[in-house]
């Protein structure tokens, strides 16, 4: 079987990570794969913020927890020590589509490099807030940006979950 198709079939969302941070080299490879995602008109209107600073990671986790309405102490990133946050130019009509393709590439790349990942939502709400806009400013990111998603990444703590059976009738031929 083709290695890319195999990775697509085997990749799963991981909800338990070891605290060890993946190497910078591996995270750079994952981000680079994200930058090669298809994008409308070749505009490349998305960015990836690679967060490995624990203080910032925990701050974003707390913002996300509050937006999600979970109890204090819950980590919506399931202990993943790194996150790759995808943001896109707010005035670009294809921002969500293009950013979603980046997210898909990030998760497949993480899997192919032996790491686990999970897409965590609420980046839109985070970066619409004053606190989120201040984070972008502190990182030197200017302009208007919309959060697309967080790719939480780390070393899997446990087994990779089994795939759910695929539903029948999801392919329609028009011959």
N, C-alpha and C. Protein backbone atom coordinates (compact mmCIF):
# COMPACT_ATOMS: atom_id res chain seq x y z
N UNK A 1 0.85 -1.18 0.00
CA UNK A 1 0.00 0.00 0.00
C UNK A 1 0.89 1.24 0.00
N UNK A 2 0.47 2.26 -0.69
CA UNK A 2 1.16 3.54 -0.74
C UNK A 2 1.35 4.07 0.69
N UNK A 3 2.55 4.59 0.99
CA UNK A 3 2.86 5.05 2.35
C UNK A 3 1.98 6.22 2.81
N UNK A 4 1.63 7.10 1.90
CA UNK A 4 0.78 8.24 2.29
C UNK A 4 -0.62 7.74 2.62
N UNK A 5 -1.16 6.88 1.80
CA UNK A 5 -2.50 6.34 2.06
C UNK A 5 -2.48 5.52 3.35
N UNK A 6 -1.42 4.77 3.57
CA UNK A 6 -1.28 3.99 4.80
C UNK A 6 -1.31 4.92 6.02
N UNK A 7 -0.56 6.03 5.96
CA UNK A 7 -0.55 6.99 7.07
C UNK A 7 -1.94 7.58 7.29
N UNK A 8 -2.65 7.87 6.22
CA UNK A 8 -4.01 8.41 6.34
C UNK A 8 -4.94 7.43 7.05
N UNK A 9 -4.77 6.15 6.76
CA UNK A 9 -5.63 5.13 7.37
C UNK A 9 -5.25 4.86 8.82
N UNK A 10 -3.98 5.03 9.16
CA UNK A 10 -3.51 4.68 10.50
C UNK A 10 -3.54 5.84 11.50
N UNK A 11 -3.51 7.09 11.04
CA UNK A 11 -3.45 8.24 11.94
C UNK A 11 -4.72 8.33 12.78
N UNK A 12 -4.54 8.60 14.04
CA UNK A 12 -5.67 8.74 14.98
C UNK A 12 -5.44 9.96 15.86
N UNK A 13 -6.51 10.49 16.39
CA UNK A 13 -6.40 11.57 17.38
C UNK A 13 -5.95 10.95 18.69
N UNK A 14 -4.93 11.55 19.28
CA UNK A 14 -4.34 11.05 20.52
C UNK A 14 -4.75 11.96 21.66
N UNK A 15 -5.13 11.33 22.78
CA UNK A 15 -5.60 12.11 23.92
C UNK A 15 -4.80 11.83 25.20
N UNK A 16 -3.57 11.34 25.03
CA UNK A 16 -2.69 11.17 26.18
C UNK A 16 -1.25 11.21 25.67
N UNK A 17 -0.50 12.17 26.20
CA UNK A 17 0.87 12.40 25.73
C UNK A 17 1.85 12.34 26.89
N UNK A 18 3.08 11.94 26.57
CA UNK A 18 4.17 12.00 27.54
C UNK A 18 4.63 13.46 27.64
N UNK A 19 5.19 13.85 28.78
CA UNK A 19 5.58 15.26 28.95
C UNK A 19 6.82 15.68 28.16
N UNK A 20 7.61 14.73 27.64
CA UNK A 20 8.83 15.08 26.92
C UNK A 20 8.50 15.82 25.63
N UNK A 21 9.23 16.88 25.40
CA UNK A 21 9.05 17.71 24.22
C UNK A 21 9.72 17.05 23.02
N UNK A 22 9.02 16.93 21.89
CA UNK A 22 9.68 16.42 20.67
C UNK A 22 10.82 17.37 20.28
N UNK A 23 11.76 16.86 19.52
CA UNK A 23 12.90 17.68 19.13
C UNK A 23 12.48 18.83 18.21
N UNK A 24 13.26 19.87 18.24
CA UNK A 24 13.00 21.03 17.37
C UNK A 24 13.04 20.60 15.91
N UNK A 25 13.96 19.72 15.56
CA UNK A 25 14.08 19.24 14.18
C UNK A 25 12.79 18.56 13.72
N UNK A 26 12.23 17.72 14.57
CA UNK A 26 10.98 17.02 14.21
C UNK A 26 9.84 18.03 14.07
N UNK A 27 9.74 18.97 14.99
CA UNK A 27 8.67 19.98 14.91
C UNK A 27 8.82 20.84 13.66
N UNK A 28 10.06 21.15 13.28
CA UNK A 28 10.29 21.91 12.05
C UNK A 28 9.85 21.11 10.82
N UNK A 29 10.10 19.80 10.83
CA UNK A 29 9.67 18.95 9.72
C UNK A 29 8.14 18.93 9.61
N UNK A 30 7.48 18.84 10.75
CA UNK A 30 6.02 18.83 10.76
C UNK A 30 5.48 20.15 10.22
N UNK A 31 6.04 21.26 10.70
CA UNK A 31 5.60 22.58 10.23
C UNK A 31 5.85 22.74 8.74
N UNK A 32 6.98 22.29 8.27
CA UNK A 32 7.28 22.40 6.84
C UNK A 32 6.25 21.64 6.01
N UNK A 33 5.86 20.47 6.47
CA UNK A 33 4.83 19.70 5.76
C UNK A 33 3.53 20.50 5.71
N UNK A 34 3.21 21.20 6.80
CA UNK A 34 2.01 22.04 6.82
C UNK A 34 2.08 23.16 5.80
N UNK A 35 3.26 23.73 5.62
CA UNK A 35 3.42 24.84 4.68
C UNK A 35 3.27 24.40 3.23
N UNK A 36 3.34 23.10 2.98
CA UNK A 36 3.18 22.58 1.61
C UNK A 36 1.74 22.17 1.30
N UNK A 37 0.81 22.49 2.19
CA UNK A 37 -0.59 22.16 1.93
C UNK A 37 -1.10 22.96 0.73
N UNK A 38 -2.03 22.37 0.03
CA UNK A 38 -2.68 23.08 -1.07
C UNK A 38 -3.35 24.33 -0.51
N UNK A 39 -3.38 25.39 -1.34
CA UNK A 39 -4.01 26.63 -0.89
C UNK A 39 -4.53 27.40 -2.09
N UNK A 40 -5.64 28.08 -1.89
CA UNK A 40 -6.30 28.80 -2.97
C UNK A 40 -5.42 29.85 -3.62
N UNK A 41 -5.34 29.79 -4.94
CA UNK A 41 -4.58 30.74 -5.77
C UNK A 41 -3.12 30.82 -5.37
N UNK A 42 -2.62 29.82 -4.66
CA UNK A 42 -1.22 29.84 -4.25
C UNK A 42 -0.89 31.00 -3.32
N UNK A 43 -1.89 31.52 -2.64
CA UNK A 43 -1.74 32.74 -1.81
C UNK A 43 -0.88 32.51 -0.56
N UNK A 44 -0.88 31.28 -0.04
CA UNK A 44 -0.11 30.96 1.17
C UNK A 44 -0.43 31.97 2.28
N UNK A 45 -1.72 32.09 2.59
CA UNK A 45 -2.20 33.11 3.53
C UNK A 45 -2.32 32.59 4.96
N UNK A 46 -1.64 31.51 5.27
CA UNK A 46 -1.68 30.98 6.64
C UNK A 46 -0.28 30.99 7.24
N UNK A 47 -0.25 30.97 8.56
CA UNK A 47 0.99 30.88 9.32
C UNK A 47 0.84 29.76 10.34
N UNK A 48 1.97 29.25 10.78
CA UNK A 48 2.01 28.25 11.84
C UNK A 48 2.84 28.81 12.99
N UNK A 49 2.25 28.83 14.16
CA UNK A 49 2.96 29.26 15.37
C UNK A 49 3.34 27.99 16.12
N UNK A 50 4.63 27.73 16.26
CA UNK A 50 5.11 26.54 16.95
C UNK A 50 5.35 26.92 18.41
N UNK A 51 4.54 26.38 19.29
CA UNK A 51 4.62 26.72 20.71
C UNK A 51 5.27 25.57 21.48
N UNK A 52 6.46 25.85 22.01
CA UNK A 52 7.14 24.88 22.88
C UNK A 52 7.42 25.48 24.26
N UNK A 53 7.23 26.79 24.40
CA UNK A 53 7.40 27.45 25.68
C UNK A 53 6.26 27.02 26.61
N UNK A 54 6.58 26.35 27.70
CA UNK A 54 5.56 25.80 28.59
C UNK A 54 4.64 26.87 29.16
N UNK A 55 5.19 28.01 29.51
CA UNK A 55 4.37 29.08 30.07
C UNK A 55 3.31 29.55 29.06
N UNK A 56 3.72 29.76 27.81
CA UNK A 56 2.77 30.18 26.78
C UNK A 56 1.81 29.06 26.45
N UNK A 57 2.31 27.84 26.38
CA UNK A 57 1.45 26.67 26.11
C UNK A 57 0.35 26.57 27.16
N UNK A 58 0.74 26.73 28.42
CA UNK A 58 -0.24 26.63 29.51
C UNK A 58 -1.22 27.80 29.50
N UNK A 59 -0.75 28.98 29.12
CA UNK A 59 -1.64 30.15 29.02
C UNK A 59 -2.70 29.91 27.95
N UNK A 60 -2.27 29.42 26.79
CA UNK A 60 -3.22 29.14 25.70
C UNK A 60 -4.17 28.02 26.10
N UNK A 61 -3.67 27.02 26.79
CA UNK A 61 -4.52 25.93 27.27
C UNK A 61 -5.61 26.46 28.20
N UNK A 62 -5.23 27.37 29.07
CA UNK A 62 -6.21 27.94 30.01
C UNK A 62 -7.24 28.80 29.28
N UNK A 63 -6.80 29.56 28.28
CA UNK A 63 -7.74 30.34 27.46
C UNK A 63 -8.74 29.39 26.79
N UNK A 64 -8.21 28.32 26.23
CA UNK A 64 -9.04 27.34 25.51
C UNK A 64 -10.02 26.67 26.46
N UNK A 65 -9.55 26.34 27.65
CA UNK A 65 -10.41 25.69 28.65
C UNK A 65 -11.59 26.59 29.00
N UNK A 66 -11.31 27.85 29.23
CA UNK A 66 -12.38 28.79 29.58
C UNK A 66 -13.39 28.93 28.45
N UNK A 67 -12.90 29.05 27.21
CA UNK A 67 -13.80 29.16 26.06
C UNK A 67 -14.66 27.91 25.94
N UNK A 68 -14.05 26.75 26.17
CA UNK A 68 -14.77 25.48 26.07
C UNK A 68 -15.71 25.20 27.22
N UNK A 69 -15.56 25.93 28.32
CA UNK A 69 -16.45 25.78 29.46
C UNK A 69 -16.13 24.60 30.36
N UNK A 70 -14.89 24.11 30.35
CA UNK A 70 -14.52 22.98 31.20
C UNK A 70 -14.14 23.45 32.60
N UNK A 71 -14.13 22.52 33.51
CA UNK A 71 -13.75 22.81 34.89
C UNK A 71 -12.28 23.16 35.00
N UNK A 72 -11.97 23.97 36.00
CA UNK A 72 -10.58 24.34 36.26
C UNK A 72 -9.74 23.09 36.45
N UNK A 73 -8.53 23.11 35.88
CA UNK A 73 -7.63 21.97 35.97
C UNK A 73 -7.66 21.06 34.76
N UNK A 74 -8.71 21.18 33.92
CA UNK A 74 -8.77 20.36 32.70
C UNK A 74 -7.83 20.95 31.65
N UNK A 75 -7.10 20.08 30.97
CA UNK A 75 -6.20 20.51 29.90
C UNK A 75 -6.79 20.07 28.56
N UNK A 76 -7.33 21.00 27.77
CA UNK A 76 -7.92 20.62 26.50
C UNK A 76 -6.90 20.13 25.47
N UNK A 77 -5.59 20.22 25.80
CA UNK A 77 -4.55 19.72 24.91
C UNK A 77 -4.01 18.37 25.37
N UNK A 78 -4.67 17.78 26.35
CA UNK A 78 -4.39 16.42 26.81
C UNK A 78 -2.93 16.18 27.17
N UNK A 79 -2.27 17.22 27.68
CA UNK A 79 -0.89 17.06 28.12
C UNK A 79 0.15 17.15 27.02
N UNK A 80 -0.25 17.40 25.79
CA UNK A 80 0.73 17.53 24.71
C UNK A 80 1.67 18.69 25.02
N UNK A 81 2.98 18.47 24.96
CA UNK A 81 3.91 19.53 25.34
C UNK A 81 4.14 20.59 24.27
N UNK A 82 3.71 20.31 23.03
CA UNK A 82 3.90 21.25 21.93
C UNK A 82 2.59 21.43 21.18
N UNK A 83 2.45 22.60 20.59
CA UNK A 83 1.29 22.81 19.71
C UNK A 83 1.73 23.64 18.52
N UNK A 84 1.15 23.32 17.39
CA UNK A 84 1.36 24.10 16.19
C UNK A 84 0.01 24.74 15.89
N UNK A 85 -0.04 26.06 16.04
CA UNK A 85 -1.29 26.79 15.87
C UNK A 85 -1.33 27.35 14.46
N UNK A 86 -2.41 27.05 13.76
CA UNK A 86 -2.59 27.57 12.41
C UNK A 86 -3.49 28.80 12.47
N UNK A 87 -2.99 29.88 11.90
CA UNK A 87 -3.77 31.11 11.77
C UNK A 87 -3.78 31.48 10.29
N UNK A 88 -4.78 32.25 9.88
CA UNK A 88 -4.86 32.65 8.48
C UNK A 88 -5.29 34.11 8.39
N UNK A 89 -4.89 34.74 7.29
CA UNK A 89 -5.25 36.14 7.07
C UNK A 89 -6.77 36.28 7.09
N UNK A 90 -7.24 37.16 7.95
CA UNK A 90 -8.68 37.29 8.20
C UNK A 90 -9.47 37.74 6.97
N UNK A 91 -8.84 38.47 6.06
CA UNK A 91 -9.57 38.97 4.90
C UNK A 91 -9.51 38.03 3.69
N UNK A 92 -8.92 36.84 3.86
CA UNK A 92 -8.81 35.88 2.77
C UNK A 92 -10.03 34.95 2.80
N UNK A 93 -10.81 34.93 1.73
CA UNK A 93 -12.05 34.13 1.68
C UNK A 93 -11.82 32.64 1.91
N UNK A 94 -10.69 32.13 1.52
CA UNK A 94 -10.41 30.69 1.65
C UNK A 94 -9.66 30.34 2.93
N UNK A 95 -9.62 31.25 3.90
CA UNK A 95 -8.78 31.04 5.08
C UNK A 95 -9.08 29.75 5.82
N UNK A 96 -10.35 29.42 6.01
CA UNK A 96 -10.69 28.22 6.78
C UNK A 96 -10.34 26.97 5.97
N UNK A 97 -10.61 27.00 4.68
CA UNK A 97 -10.29 25.83 3.84
C UNK A 97 -8.78 25.62 3.78
N UNK A 98 -8.05 26.70 3.47
CA UNK A 98 -6.60 26.58 3.36
C UNK A 98 -5.98 26.17 4.69
N UNK A 99 -6.42 26.80 5.78
CA UNK A 99 -5.90 26.46 7.09
C UNK A 99 -6.21 25.03 7.50
N UNK A 100 -7.38 24.54 7.09
CA UNK A 100 -7.76 23.16 7.40
C UNK A 100 -6.85 22.17 6.67
N UNK A 101 -6.47 22.50 5.45
CA UNK A 101 -5.53 21.64 4.73
C UNK A 101 -4.16 21.64 5.42
N UNK A 102 -3.74 22.79 5.93
CA UNK A 102 -2.49 22.85 6.70
C UNK A 102 -2.59 21.93 7.91
N UNK A 103 -3.71 22.02 8.62
CA UNK A 103 -3.91 21.17 9.81
C UNK A 103 -3.82 19.68 9.44
N UNK A 104 -4.45 19.30 8.35
CA UNK A 104 -4.39 17.90 7.92
C UNK A 104 -2.97 17.45 7.65
N UNK A 105 -2.20 18.30 6.97
CA UNK A 105 -0.81 17.96 6.70
C UNK A 105 -0.01 17.83 8.00
N UNK A 106 -0.27 18.73 8.95
CA UNK A 106 0.46 18.67 10.23
C UNK A 106 0.21 17.34 10.93
N UNK A 107 -1.05 16.93 10.99
CA UNK A 107 -1.38 15.68 11.70
C UNK A 107 -0.79 14.46 10.99
N UNK A 108 -0.83 14.45 9.67
CA UNK A 108 -0.24 13.33 8.93
C UNK A 108 1.27 13.30 9.09
N UNK A 109 1.90 14.47 9.05
CA UNK A 109 3.35 14.53 9.23
C UNK A 109 3.75 14.05 10.62
N UNK A 110 3.02 14.50 11.64
CA UNK A 110 3.33 14.05 13.00
C UNK A 110 3.26 12.53 13.09
N UNK A 111 2.19 11.96 12.54
CA UNK A 111 2.03 10.51 12.57
C UNK A 111 3.19 9.83 11.84
N UNK A 112 3.53 10.33 10.66
CA UNK A 112 4.58 9.68 9.87
C UNK A 112 5.94 9.76 10.54
N UNK A 113 6.11 10.72 11.47
CA UNK A 113 7.36 10.87 12.20
C UNK A 113 7.31 10.22 13.58
N UNK A 114 6.26 9.43 13.83
CA UNK A 114 6.18 8.65 15.06
C UNK A 114 5.58 9.38 16.25
N UNK A 115 4.96 10.53 16.02
CA UNK A 115 4.35 11.28 17.11
C UNK A 115 2.83 11.21 17.01
N UNK A 116 2.19 11.57 18.09
CA UNK A 116 0.75 11.66 18.11
C UNK A 116 0.32 13.11 17.98
N UNK A 117 -0.92 13.30 17.56
CA UNK A 117 -1.45 14.65 17.43
C UNK A 117 -2.96 14.62 17.59
N UNK A 118 -3.53 15.79 17.78
CA UNK A 118 -4.97 15.95 17.82
C UNK A 118 -5.29 17.39 17.44
N UNK A 119 -6.35 17.56 16.67
CA UNK A 119 -6.83 18.90 16.30
C UNK A 119 -7.70 19.40 17.43
N UNK A 120 -7.34 20.54 17.97
CA UNK A 120 -8.13 21.17 19.03
C UNK A 120 -8.68 22.49 18.49
N UNK A 121 -9.98 22.66 18.64
CA UNK A 121 -10.66 23.86 18.13
C UNK A 121 -10.54 25.02 19.12
N UNK A 122 -11.27 26.08 18.84
CA UNK A 122 -11.39 27.29 19.63
C UNK A 122 -10.25 28.29 19.42
N UNK A 123 -9.40 28.03 18.42
CA UNK A 123 -8.35 29.02 18.10
C UNK A 123 -8.97 30.31 17.58
N UNK A 124 -10.08 30.20 16.86
CA UNK A 124 -10.77 31.39 16.34
C UNK A 124 -11.13 32.31 17.50
N UNK A 125 -11.78 31.76 18.51
CA UNK A 125 -12.20 32.55 19.66
C UNK A 125 -11.00 33.10 20.44
N UNK A 126 -9.96 32.29 20.56
CA UNK A 126 -8.77 32.74 21.29
C UNK A 126 -8.17 34.00 20.65
N UNK A 127 -7.99 33.96 19.33
CA UNK A 127 -7.29 35.05 18.67
C UNK A 127 -8.19 36.20 18.26
N UNK A 128 -9.48 36.09 18.55
CA UNK A 128 -10.39 37.23 18.45
C UNK A 128 -10.38 38.03 19.75
N UNK A 129 -9.91 37.42 20.82
CA UNK A 129 -9.88 38.09 22.13
C UNK A 129 -8.70 39.05 22.21
N UNK A 130 -8.81 40.00 23.12
CA UNK A 130 -7.70 40.94 23.34
C UNK A 130 -6.45 40.19 23.78
N UNK A 131 -6.64 39.18 24.63
CA UNK A 131 -5.50 38.39 25.12
C UNK A 131 -4.81 37.66 23.97
N UNK A 132 -5.60 37.10 23.08
CA UNK A 132 -5.03 36.40 21.92
C UNK A 132 -4.33 37.35 20.97
N UNK A 133 -4.93 38.51 20.74
CA UNK A 133 -4.30 39.51 19.87
C UNK A 133 -2.99 39.99 20.48
N UNK A 134 -2.93 40.08 21.80
CA UNK A 134 -1.69 40.48 22.47
C UNK A 134 -0.61 39.41 22.30
N UNK A 135 -1.00 38.15 22.35
CA UNK A 135 -0.02 37.06 22.11
C UNK A 135 0.57 37.22 20.71
N UNK A 136 -0.27 37.45 19.72
CA UNK A 136 0.23 37.64 18.35
C UNK A 136 1.18 38.83 18.28
N UNK A 137 0.81 39.94 18.91
CA UNK A 137 1.67 41.12 18.91
C UNK A 137 3.03 40.80 19.54
N UNK A 138 3.01 40.09 20.67
CA UNK A 138 4.26 39.73 21.34
C UNK A 138 5.13 38.82 20.48
N UNK A 139 4.50 38.05 19.60
CA UNK A 139 5.25 37.18 18.69
C UNK A 139 5.67 37.90 17.42
N UNK A 140 5.31 39.18 17.30
CA UNK A 140 5.68 39.96 16.12
C UNK A 140 4.78 39.73 14.92
N UNK A 141 3.60 39.19 15.16
CA UNK A 141 2.65 38.93 14.07
C UNK A 141 1.69 40.11 13.99
N UNK A 142 1.79 40.84 12.90
CA UNK A 142 0.97 42.03 12.70
C UNK A 142 -0.18 41.72 11.74
N UNK A 143 -1.19 42.56 11.77
CA UNK A 143 -2.32 42.41 10.87
C UNK A 143 -3.47 41.69 11.55
N UNK A 144 -4.48 41.38 10.76
CA UNK A 144 -5.69 40.72 11.25
C UNK A 144 -5.62 39.23 10.90
N UNK A 145 -5.72 38.38 11.91
CA UNK A 145 -5.59 36.94 11.73
C UNK A 145 -6.75 36.21 12.38
N UNK A 146 -7.11 35.11 11.79
CA UNK A 146 -8.15 34.24 12.38
C UNK A 146 -7.51 32.92 12.76
N UNK A 147 -7.77 32.48 13.98
CA UNK A 147 -7.28 31.18 14.41
C UNK A 147 -8.07 30.08 13.72
N UNK A 148 -7.37 29.11 13.16
CA UNK A 148 -8.01 27.98 12.47
C UNK A 148 -8.04 26.75 13.36
N UNK A 149 -6.92 26.42 13.97
CA UNK A 149 -6.88 25.25 14.84
C UNK A 149 -5.53 25.09 15.50
N UNK A 150 -5.50 24.23 16.51
CA UNK A 150 -4.27 23.87 17.20
C UNK A 150 -3.99 22.41 16.87
N UNK A 151 -2.79 22.13 16.46
CA UNK A 151 -2.36 20.74 16.31
C UNK A 151 -1.49 20.45 17.53
N UNK A 152 -2.10 19.82 18.53
CA UNK A 152 -1.35 19.43 19.73
C UNK A 152 -0.50 18.22 19.36
N UNK A 153 0.78 18.26 19.70
CA UNK A 153 1.73 17.24 19.25
C UNK A 153 2.58 16.76 20.42
N UNK A 154 2.87 15.47 20.41
CA UNK A 154 3.77 14.92 21.42
C UNK A 154 3.98 13.43 21.23
N UNK A 155 4.73 12.89 22.16
CA UNK A 155 5.00 11.45 22.18
C UNK A 155 3.79 10.77 22.80
N UNK A 156 3.28 9.77 22.12
CA UNK A 156 2.08 9.08 22.56
C UNK A 156 2.35 8.33 23.86
N UNK A 157 1.47 8.49 24.82
CA UNK A 157 1.53 7.77 26.09
C UNK A 157 0.45 6.69 26.04
N UNK A 158 0.83 5.50 25.60
CA UNK A 158 -0.13 4.41 25.47
C UNK A 158 -0.21 3.91 24.03
N UNK A 159 -1.29 3.23 23.75
CA UNK A 159 -1.48 2.64 22.43
C UNK A 159 -2.24 3.58 21.51
N UNK A 160 -1.99 3.43 20.22
CA UNK A 160 -2.76 4.18 19.23
C UNK A 160 -4.15 3.56 19.17
N UNK A 161 -5.19 4.38 19.27
CA UNK A 161 -6.55 3.84 19.23
C UNK A 161 -6.85 3.12 17.92
N UNK A 162 -7.72 2.14 17.99
CA UNK A 162 -8.16 1.44 16.78
C UNK A 162 -9.13 2.33 16.01
N UNK A 163 -9.16 2.18 14.71
CA UNK A 163 -10.09 3.00 13.92
C UNK A 163 -11.53 2.55 14.12
N UNK A 164 -12.43 3.51 14.07
CA UNK A 164 -13.86 3.17 14.07
C UNK A 164 -14.19 2.58 12.71
N UNK A 165 -15.13 1.65 12.66
CA UNK A 165 -15.52 1.12 11.34
C UNK A 165 -16.00 2.27 10.45
N UNK A 166 -15.69 2.19 9.19
CA UNK A 166 -16.14 3.20 8.24
C UNK A 166 -17.60 2.94 7.89
N UNK A 167 -18.40 3.96 7.84
CA UNK A 167 -19.81 3.84 7.48
C UNK A 167 -19.95 3.50 6.00
N UNK A 168 -20.90 2.67 5.69
CA UNK A 168 -21.20 2.33 4.29
C UNK A 168 -21.94 3.49 3.62
N UNK A 169 -21.91 3.50 2.31
CA UNK A 169 -22.70 4.45 1.55
C UNK A 169 -22.13 5.85 1.49
N UNK A 170 -20.85 6.01 1.79
CA UNK A 170 -20.26 7.36 1.77
C UNK A 170 -19.55 7.67 0.47
N UNK A 171 -19.54 6.70 -0.43
CA UNK A 171 -18.98 6.91 -1.76
C UNK A 171 -20.10 6.74 -2.77
N UNK A 172 -20.27 7.72 -3.61
CA UNK A 172 -21.30 7.68 -4.65
C UNK A 172 -20.63 7.82 -6.01
N UNK A 173 -20.86 6.87 -6.86
CA UNK A 173 -20.30 6.93 -8.22
C UNK A 173 -21.29 7.59 -9.16
N UNK A 174 -20.81 8.46 -9.99
CA UNK A 174 -21.63 9.05 -11.05
C UNK A 174 -20.95 8.70 -12.38
N UNK A 175 -21.25 7.48 -12.86
CA UNK A 175 -20.59 6.99 -14.08
C UNK A 175 -21.45 7.23 -15.30
